[in-house]
Protein backbone atom coordinates (compact mmCIF):
# COMPACT_ATOMS: atom_id res chain seq x y z
CA MET A 1 1.40 -12.67 16.97
CA ASP A 2 2.28 -9.31 18.49
CA THR A 3 4.59 -10.95 21.02
CA LEU A 4 7.06 -11.57 18.23
CA ARG A 5 8.13 -7.94 18.44
CA ALA A 6 9.60 -6.68 21.69
CA ASN A 7 9.57 -2.98 20.87
CA PRO A 8 6.35 -0.89 20.83
CA THR A 9 4.89 0.27 17.54
CA LEU A 10 3.90 3.80 16.55
CA VAL A 11 2.12 4.21 13.19
CA ILE A 12 1.53 7.67 11.71
CA ILE A 13 -1.51 7.61 9.40
CA THR A 14 -1.54 10.49 6.96
CA GLY A 15 -2.06 11.28 3.28
CA MET A 16 -4.46 13.04 0.98
CA SER A 17 -7.76 14.30 2.35
CA GLY A 18 -10.48 11.95 1.13
CA ALA A 19 -8.09 9.04 0.57
CA GLY A 20 -9.46 6.90 3.42
CA LYS A 21 -7.80 7.89 6.70
CA THR A 22 -11.06 7.35 8.64
CA ILE A 23 -11.29 3.77 7.41
CA ALA A 24 -7.60 3.28 8.18
CA VAL A 25 -7.90 4.36 11.79
CA GLN A 26 -11.01 2.19 12.27
CA SER A 27 -9.02 -0.76 10.92
CA MET A 28 -6.18 -0.07 13.34
CA GLU A 29 -8.65 0.09 16.23
CA ASP A 30 -9.93 -3.34 15.23
CA LEU A 31 -6.33 -4.59 15.50
CA GLY A 32 -6.05 -3.33 19.07
CA PHE A 33 -4.15 -0.13 18.37
CA PHE A 34 -4.65 2.85 20.67
CA CYS A 35 -5.74 5.49 18.13
CA VAL A 36 -5.85 9.28 18.23
CA ASP A 37 -7.33 11.30 15.37
CA ASN A 38 -6.15 14.73 14.19
CA LEU A 39 -3.18 15.02 16.52
CA PRO A 40 -0.79 18.01 16.13
CA PRO A 41 2.66 16.62 15.24
CA VAL A 42 4.33 18.58 18.06
CA LEU A 43 2.55 16.29 20.55
CA ILE A 44 4.02 13.08 19.13
CA PRO A 45 7.00 13.05 21.57
CA LYS A 46 4.51 13.19 24.46
CA PHE A 47 2.88 10.03 23.15
CA ALA A 48 6.28 8.40 22.81
CA GLU A 49 6.95 9.22 26.45
CA LEU A 50 3.57 7.74 27.41
CA ILE A 51 4.34 4.55 25.48
CA ASP A 52 7.79 4.29 27.06
CA GLN A 53 6.47 4.75 30.61
CA SER A 54 3.59 2.28 30.17
CA GLN A 55 5.98 -0.69 30.54
CA GLY A 56 4.34 -2.59 27.72
CA ARG A 57 0.71 -1.80 28.56
CA ILE A 58 0.54 0.53 25.55
CA ALA A 59 2.42 -1.34 22.84
CA LYS A 60 0.57 -0.31 19.65
CA VAL A 61 -0.37 3.29 18.86
CA ALA A 62 -1.74 4.81 15.64
CA LEU A 63 -1.91 8.59 15.21
CA VAL A 64 -3.88 10.23 12.40
CA ILE A 65 -2.22 13.45 11.29
CA ASP A 66 -3.54 15.82 8.62
CA LEU A 67 -0.92 18.18 7.25
CA ARG A 68 -2.25 21.62 6.44
CA GLY A 69 1.04 23.42 5.84
CA ARG A 70 4.80 23.15 5.62
CA GLU A 71 5.20 23.85 9.36
CA PHE A 72 3.29 20.64 10.11
CA PHE A 73 5.70 18.60 8.00
CA THR A 74 8.67 20.18 9.78
CA ALA A 75 7.15 19.40 13.19
CA LEU A 76 6.41 15.81 12.17
CA SER A 77 9.93 15.27 10.83
CA GLU A 78 11.49 16.66 14.01
CA SER A 79 9.19 14.59 16.23
CA LEU A 80 9.99 11.32 14.45
CA ASN A 81 13.72 12.06 14.59
CA TYR A 82 13.40 12.76 18.31
CA ILE A 83 11.66 9.42 18.88
CA ARG A 84 14.34 7.49 17.01
CA GLU A 85 17.07 9.17 19.03
CA HIS A 86 15.51 8.80 22.50
CA TYR A 87 13.25 5.72 22.46
CA THR A 88 13.26 2.10 21.29
CA ILE A 89 9.96 2.52 19.46
CA ASN A 90 9.38 1.23 15.94
CA SER A 91 7.80 4.16 14.11
CA GLU A 92 6.52 4.18 10.56
CA ILE A 93 4.36 6.26 8.26
CA LEU A 94 1.30 4.91 6.44
CA PHE A 95 0.43 7.26 3.56
CA LEU A 96 -2.94 7.03 1.82
CA ASP A 97 -3.22 8.40 -1.70
CA ALA A 98 -5.66 8.54 -4.61
CA THR A 99 -5.78 10.17 -8.02
CA ASP A 100 -7.02 13.74 -8.36
CA SER A 101 -10.09 12.64 -10.33
CA VAL A 102 -11.11 10.11 -7.68
CA LEU A 103 -10.63 12.64 -4.87
CA VAL A 104 -12.75 15.19 -6.74
CA GLN A 105 -15.50 12.60 -7.21
CA ARG A 106 -15.44 11.62 -3.52
CA TYR A 107 -15.70 15.23 -2.38
CA LYS A 108 -18.58 15.91 -4.75
CA GLU A 109 -20.42 12.83 -3.53
CA SER A 110 -19.94 13.77 0.13
CA ARG A 111 -20.60 17.50 -0.53
CA ARG A 112 -17.77 18.36 1.85
CA ARG A 113 -15.35 21.21 1.32
CA HIS A 114 -11.68 20.47 0.91
CA PRO A 115 -9.71 21.89 3.88
CA LEU A 116 -7.34 23.75 1.55
CA ALA A 117 -10.11 25.00 -0.74
CA PRO A 118 -12.58 26.87 1.51
CA GLU A 119 -13.78 28.96 -1.44
CA GLY A 120 -14.80 25.87 -3.36
CA MET A 121 -11.89 25.55 -5.85
CA LEU A 122 -11.71 21.82 -5.18
CA LEU A 123 -9.04 20.72 -7.65
CA GLU A 124 -6.73 23.57 -6.65
CA GLY A 125 -7.00 22.52 -3.01
CA ILE A 126 -6.19 18.91 -3.89
CA GLN A 127 -3.18 19.91 -5.98
CA LEU A 128 -1.88 22.21 -3.24
CA GLU A 129 -2.21 19.47 -0.63
CA ARG A 130 -0.41 16.99 -2.91
CA LYS A 131 2.48 19.42 -3.28
CA LEU A 132 2.68 19.99 0.50
CA LEU A 133 2.69 16.24 1.14
CA GLU A 134 5.22 15.31 -1.53
CA ASP A 135 8.22 15.07 0.83
CA LEU A 136 6.25 13.18 3.47
CA LYS A 137 5.08 10.63 0.91
CA GLY A 138 8.71 9.99 0.06
CA ARG A 139 9.43 9.16 3.72
CA ALA A 140 6.48 6.78 4.11
CA SER A 141 7.19 3.14 4.84
CA GLN A 142 3.97 2.22 3.04
CA VAL A 143 1.87 4.03 0.42
CA ILE A 144 -1.58 2.68 -0.40
CA ASP A 145 -3.42 3.89 -3.49
CA THR A 146 -7.11 3.77 -2.59
CA SER A 147 -8.38 4.96 -5.99
CA ASN A 148 -9.76 1.55 -6.94
CA LEU A 149 -10.28 0.12 -3.47
CA LYS A 150 -13.63 -0.30 -1.79
CA PRO A 151 -13.66 0.43 1.97
CA ALA A 152 -13.64 -3.29 2.77
CA GLN A 153 -10.64 -3.83 0.48
CA LEU A 154 -8.70 -1.00 2.11
CA LYS A 155 -9.45 -2.44 5.53
CA GLU A 156 -8.24 -5.84 4.33
CA ARG A 157 -4.96 -4.33 3.07
CA ILE A 158 -4.29 -2.58 6.37
CA ILE A 159 -5.17 -5.59 8.50
CA ALA A 160 -2.96 -7.82 6.35
CA ARG A 161 -0.07 -5.38 6.77
CA PHE A 162 -0.29 -4.77 10.51
CA THR A 163 -1.53 -8.11 11.83
CA ASN A 164 1.92 -9.63 11.50
CA LEU A 165 4.38 -7.25 13.12
CA ASP A 166 7.39 -9.52 12.77
CA ARG A 167 10.27 -7.38 11.57
CA ASN A 168 12.17 -10.50 10.45
CA ALA A 169 9.92 -10.74 7.40
CA ILE A 170 9.28 -8.28 4.60
CA ALA A 171 5.69 -8.06 3.34
CA VAL A 172 5.48 -8.52 -0.42
CA ASN A 173 2.22 -7.40 -2.06
CA ILE A 174 1.84 -8.57 -5.64
CA THR A 175 -1.00 -6.96 -7.57
CA SER A 176 -2.08 -7.57 -11.15
CA PHE A 177 -3.57 -4.64 -13.07
CA GLY A 178 -4.61 -3.45 -16.51
CA PHE A 179 -2.70 -0.60 -18.13
CA LYS A 180 -5.90 0.67 -19.70
CA TYR A 181 -7.18 1.41 -16.18
CA GLY A 182 -3.99 3.17 -15.08
CA VAL A 183 -0.82 2.17 -13.26
CA PRO A 184 -1.15 1.62 -9.46
CA ILE A 185 0.53 4.65 -7.89
CA ASP A 186 1.56 2.79 -4.74
CA ALA A 187 3.68 0.19 -6.58
CA ASP A 188 7.42 0.09 -5.90
CA LEU A 189 8.15 -2.07 -8.96
CA ILE A 190 6.14 -2.28 -12.21
CA PHE A 191 6.55 -5.04 -14.79
CA ASP A 192 4.82 -4.89 -18.19
CA VAL A 193 3.88 -8.34 -19.55
CA ARG A 194 1.94 -7.20 -22.61
CA PHE A 195 4.61 -8.81 -24.82
CA LEU A 196 3.30 -12.30 -23.90
CA PRO A 197 0.73 -14.16 -26.06
CA ASN A 198 -2.73 -12.92 -25.12
CA PRO A 199 -5.54 -15.35 -24.15
CA HIS A 200 -8.01 -12.57 -25.01
CA TYR A 201 -7.77 -13.67 -28.63
CA VAL A 202 -8.70 -17.27 -27.79
CA GLU A 203 -12.49 -17.18 -27.80
CA HIS A 204 -13.23 -19.75 -25.09
CA LEU A 205 -10.59 -18.23 -22.78
CA ARG A 206 -11.66 -14.60 -23.21
CA PRO A 207 -14.37 -14.49 -20.51
CA ARG A 208 -12.14 -16.23 -17.92
CA THR A 209 -9.28 -14.86 -15.82
CA GLY A 210 -5.70 -15.91 -15.16
CA GLN A 211 -6.87 -17.77 -12.06
CA ASP A 212 -8.68 -20.26 -14.28
CA PRO A 213 -6.45 -23.35 -14.85
CA GLU A 214 -6.91 -23.24 -18.63
CA VAL A 215 -5.92 -19.58 -18.89
CA TYR A 216 -3.05 -20.06 -16.44
CA GLU A 217 -1.67 -22.99 -18.45
CA TYR A 218 -2.05 -21.06 -21.72
CA VAL A 219 -0.03 -18.12 -20.36
CA MET A 220 2.63 -20.31 -18.75
CA LYS A 221 3.25 -22.67 -21.69
CA TRP A 222 5.19 -20.21 -23.84
CA PRO A 223 9.02 -20.20 -23.83
CA GLU A 224 9.09 -16.41 -23.49
CA THR A 225 6.93 -16.68 -20.35
CA GLN A 226 9.32 -19.15 -18.74
CA SER A 227 12.36 -17.12 -19.74
CA PHE A 228 10.83 -13.91 -18.37
CA LEU A 229 9.83 -15.53 -15.06
CA SER A 230 13.30 -16.98 -14.61
CA LYS A 231 14.91 -13.55 -15.03
CA LEU A 232 12.24 -11.82 -12.93
CA LEU A 233 12.61 -14.25 -10.02
CA ASP A 234 16.36 -13.84 -10.15
CA LEU A 235 15.92 -10.05 -9.93
CA LEU A 236 13.39 -10.20 -7.08
CA GLN A 237 15.45 -12.68 -5.08
CA PHE A 238 18.34 -10.23 -5.39
CA LEU A 239 16.32 -7.10 -4.57
CA LEU A 240 14.05 -8.20 -1.71
CA PRO A 241 16.81 -8.95 0.83
CA LEU A 242 18.43 -5.60 -0.01
CA TYR A 243 15.13 -3.77 0.48
CA HIS A 244 14.69 -5.56 3.80
CA LYS A 245 18.24 -4.68 4.87
CA GLU A 246 17.60 -1.03 3.95
CA GLY A 247 14.64 -1.02 6.34
CA LYS A 248 11.63 -1.43 4.05
CA SER A 249 8.87 -3.40 5.72
CA GLN A 250 6.83 -3.80 2.53
CA VAL A 251 7.30 -3.95 -1.23
CA VAL A 252 4.42 -3.60 -3.71
CA ILE A 253 5.02 -5.31 -7.06
CA GLY A 254 2.70 -4.47 -9.96
CA ILE A 255 2.30 -6.91 -12.87
CA GLY A 256 0.44 -5.29 -15.74
CA CYS A 257 -1.11 -6.39 -19.01
CA THR A 258 -3.68 -4.65 -21.22
CA GLY A 259 -6.86 -5.36 -19.25
CA GLY A 260 -5.47 -6.88 -16.06
CA LYS A 261 -7.48 -10.05 -16.59
CA HIS A 262 -5.37 -12.83 -18.11
CA ARG A 263 -1.57 -12.57 -18.39
CA SER A 264 -0.89 -10.33 -15.39
CA VAL A 265 -3.22 -12.39 -13.18
CA ALA A 266 -1.55 -15.67 -14.12
CA LEU A 267 1.95 -14.31 -13.50
CA ALA A 268 0.95 -12.69 -10.21
CA GLU A 269 -0.43 -16.04 -9.06
CA TYR A 270 2.81 -17.78 -10.04
CA LEU A 271 4.97 -15.22 -8.22
CA GLY A 272 2.79 -15.47 -5.12
CA ARG A 273 3.25 -19.23 -4.95
CA THR A 274 6.97 -19.07 -5.65
CA LEU A 275 7.99 -16.17 -3.43
CA GLY A 276 5.66 -17.37 -0.68
CA THR A 277 7.95 -20.32 0.05
CA SER A 278 10.62 -18.06 1.61
CA GLU A 279 10.84 -17.67 5.38
CA THR A 280 12.00 -14.06 5.01
CA GLU A 281 8.92 -12.87 3.12
CA THR A 282 5.18 -12.80 3.68
CA VAL A 283 3.41 -12.67 0.33
CA ARG A 284 -0.08 -11.48 -0.58
CA VAL A 285 -1.57 -11.54 -4.09
CA SER A 286 -4.43 -9.34 -5.26
CA HIS A 287 -6.01 -8.68 -8.65
CA ARG A 288 -7.13 -5.09 -9.09
CA ASP A 289 -8.88 -5.31 -12.46
CA ALA A 290 -9.57 -9.01 -13.09
CA ASP A 291 -13.34 -8.63 -12.67
CA ARG A 292 -13.79 -5.27 -14.38
CA ASP A 293 -14.46 -6.63 -17.83
CA ARG A 294 -16.44 -9.79 -17.20
CA HIS A 295 -18.81 -8.95 -20.04
CA GLY A 296 -16.18 -7.66 -22.45
């Protein structure tokens, strides 16, 4: 519940053009956030003043900011620093990203021009924007890679993140994936489990996923699986409190195997159940590629 946090919340939504900022702001509106689209960063302190003077009537604000040049980044940085120095407002940056190829495809489908490529050199505009946003991405409290997310899935991710605003818990997102489909670019930690015995080579297990009890048991029965999980849990139980202490509100953990269907899914499920027992963490498990190769 929102009452668990006394201080107001200010979320800056930004990222690559075409990565899903419109869906993000619609999701925040559904959560009761007061949202403003395309706000110049220099006006952020004015919104902070409005929040402060509202005496709790405006407790959740989301601002969508598109950066078109270095001066915008400078203004945003200065505005956020000003807020932290003068107000008791919890501010964070939500950065939406996607691969160049996906962004090119989305622009071609929509037939829109990229804001930094008015002459039609689409890829050059995307690469320029990525370079301009590089520093800002590094400051983001959460990065979401929307390359393989449908609009409904992106909305689900955002709602899951911002429904529970309790700062006493760190949100842990565990996602399984297949290396042959690419590494998730929003992951903080990546673990490769392709060294484990592969159910793909067991004929009756091949069409199933790691959520199936038979596949799960096959993956978990090996000594190397148990040894790896013991060491991995030890590492995560060491790291997560330190991340939380440093101020991170979310950690994305990627577990990858070849196709993202068997081994990574089973281990992600195990980690979700195990880490989910802690009072200091809220855990969500997703499987990016488990259904891609149903007919493989």
